[in-house]
Amino acid sequence: MIRNVKHRGLKKLFEQDDCSKIRPDLVDKTKRVLARLNASVTPQDMNVPGFGLHAMTGNRKGFWSVVISRNWRIISASKGVMPGMWILSIITKGVCHAHEKPAASRPARPA
């Protein structure tokens, strides 16, 4: 069961079936992933061909990633919530949207 969706585009797609904030070529697979996540209780429930499920490392340890396209991932975690409850976000090209990175890992802004 999906508990919370941090990314606005995913939230609109999941709650209202509004795909206006998701790239058109990614909508079908994104809908399949969201449906499967909503029915999943454990991360291994997402381990199906084509999803590329993998555990994340580093400052995202405890999160799981599913591949949508080459540079687009949906990350989820059941960390700190009841088992089977998912919190979702998106990673594109290594940038995590809707989750703040720790201050030490943020690139310095030019002065």
Protein backbone atom coordinates (compact mmCIF):
# COMPACT_ATOMS: atom_id res chain seq x y z
CA MET A 1 0.00 0.00 0.00
CA ILE A 2 1.35 3.40 -0.93
CA ARG A 3 1.21 5.68 2.09
CA ASN A 4 2.65 8.93 0.77
CA VAL A 5 3.86 10.25 -2.57
CA LYS A 6 6.40 13.08 -2.34
CA HIS A 7 6.71 13.91 -6.05
CA ARG A 8 3.79 16.06 -7.29
CA GLY A 9 3.63 14.46 -10.73
CA LEU A 10 3.54 10.93 -9.28
CA LYS A 11 0.95 12.01 -6.74
CA LYS A 12 -1.35 13.39 -9.46
CA LEU A 13 -0.90 10.21 -11.51
CA PHE A 14 -1.53 7.90 -8.56
CA GLU A 15 -4.42 9.75 -6.91
CA GLN A 16 -6.20 11.37 -9.88
CA ASP A 17 -4.92 9.39 -12.91
CA ASP A 18 -3.61 12.73 -14.23
CA CYS A 19 -0.48 12.12 -16.29
CA SER A 20 0.16 15.78 -17.22
CA LYS A 21 3.32 16.01 -15.08
CA ILE A 22 4.88 12.74 -16.29
CA ARG A 23 6.67 12.37 -19.62
CA PRO A 24 4.24 10.72 -22.06
CA ASP A 25 6.68 7.94 -23.00
CA LEU A 26 6.97 6.94 -19.30
CA VAL A 27 3.30 6.98 -18.27
CA ASP A 28 2.43 3.32 -19.00
CA LYS A 29 5.35 1.80 -17.12
CA THR A 30 4.98 4.31 -14.28
CA LYS A 31 1.33 3.26 -13.87
CA ARG A 32 2.35 -0.43 -13.78
CA VAL A 33 5.02 0.26 -11.16
CA LEU A 34 2.63 2.31 -9.00
CA ALA A 35 -0.05 -0.41 -9.18
CA ARG A 36 2.47 -3.08 -8.21
CA LEU A 37 3.89 -0.93 -5.38
CA ASN A 38 0.40 -0.31 -4.06
CA ALA A 39 -0.19 -4.07 -3.88
CA SER A 40 3.27 -4.90 -2.44
CA VAL A 41 4.01 -5.73 1.15
CA THR A 42 7.76 -6.34 0.91
CA PRO A 43 10.40 -5.00 -1.48
CA GLN A 44 10.76 -8.48 -2.98
CA ASP A 45 7.17 -8.23 -4.24
CA MET A 46 8.57 -5.68 -6.73
CA ASN A 47 11.25 -8.07 -8.01
CA VAL A 48 9.69 -8.78 -11.42
CA PRO A 49 11.39 -8.78 -14.84
CA GLY A 50 11.75 -5.31 -16.32
CA PHE A 51 11.55 -3.39 -13.05
CA GLY A 52 15.26 -3.60 -12.17
CA LEU A 53 14.62 -3.61 -8.42
CA HIS A 54 17.70 -2.84 -6.36
CA ALA A 55 18.54 -1.67 -2.86
CA MET A 56 20.12 1.77 -2.68
CA THR A 57 23.36 2.49 -0.84
CA GLY A 58 25.08 5.43 0.79
CA ASN A 59 22.86 8.20 2.14
CA ARG A 60 19.82 6.44 0.61
CA LYS A 61 20.40 3.14 2.41
CA GLY A 62 17.04 1.61 3.29
CA PHE A 63 15.45 2.81 0.06
CA TRP A 64 14.65 0.65 -2.96
CA SER A 65 14.77 1.73 -6.59
CA VAL A 66 12.75 0.57 -9.59
CA VAL A 67 13.88 1.50 -13.11
CA ILE A 68 11.36 3.37 -15.27
CA SER A 69 13.79 4.38 -18.01
CA ARG A 70 17.53 4.78 -18.43
CA ASN A 71 17.68 7.95 -16.28
CA TRP A 72 14.37 7.78 -14.42
CA ARG A 73 13.76 5.79 -11.22
CA ILE A 74 11.04 5.57 -8.63
CA ILE A 75 12.47 5.16 -5.16
CA SER A 76 10.50 3.84 -2.24
CA ALA A 77 11.01 3.11 1.41
CA SER A 78 9.09 1.43 4.15
CA LYS A 79 11.62 2.77 6.64
CA GLY A 80 10.07 4.13 9.83
CA VAL A 81 6.52 3.20 8.87
CA MET A 82 4.46 0.06 9.11
CA PRO A 83 5.63 -2.80 6.86
CA GLY A 84 3.92 -2.64 3.51
CA MET A 85 3.49 1.14 3.61
CA TRP A 86 5.50 2.92 0.93
CA ILE A 87 6.76 6.47 0.57
CA LEU A 88 7.64 7.36 -3.02
CA SER A 89 9.85 9.82 -4.83
CA ILE A 90 11.63 10.07 -8.18
CA ILE A 91 15.30 10.14 -9.16
CA THR A 92 16.30 11.50 -12.54
CA LYS A 93 19.95 11.55 -13.61
CA GLY A 94 21.12 11.06 -10.01
CA VAL A 95 19.07 13.94 -8.57
CA CYS A 96 16.46 12.96 -6.03
CA HIS A 97 13.28 15.02 -6.30
CA ALA A 98 11.18 15.68 -3.19
CA HIS A 99 13.75 14.33 -0.72
CA GLU A 100 16.32 16.69 0.76
CA LYS A 101 19.90 15.50 0.63
CA PRO A 102 22.03 15.89 3.75
CA ALA A 103 23.89 19.22 3.78
CA ALA A 104 27.30 17.56 3.45
CA SER A 105 26.38 15.95 0.12
CA ARG A 106 24.98 19.11 -1.50
CA PRO A 107 27.28 20.76 -4.06
CA ALA A 108 28.55 24.16 -3.04
CA ARG A 109 26.92 27.11 -4.81
CA PRO A 110 29.22 29.51 -6.61
CA ALA A 111 29.59 32.84 -4.86
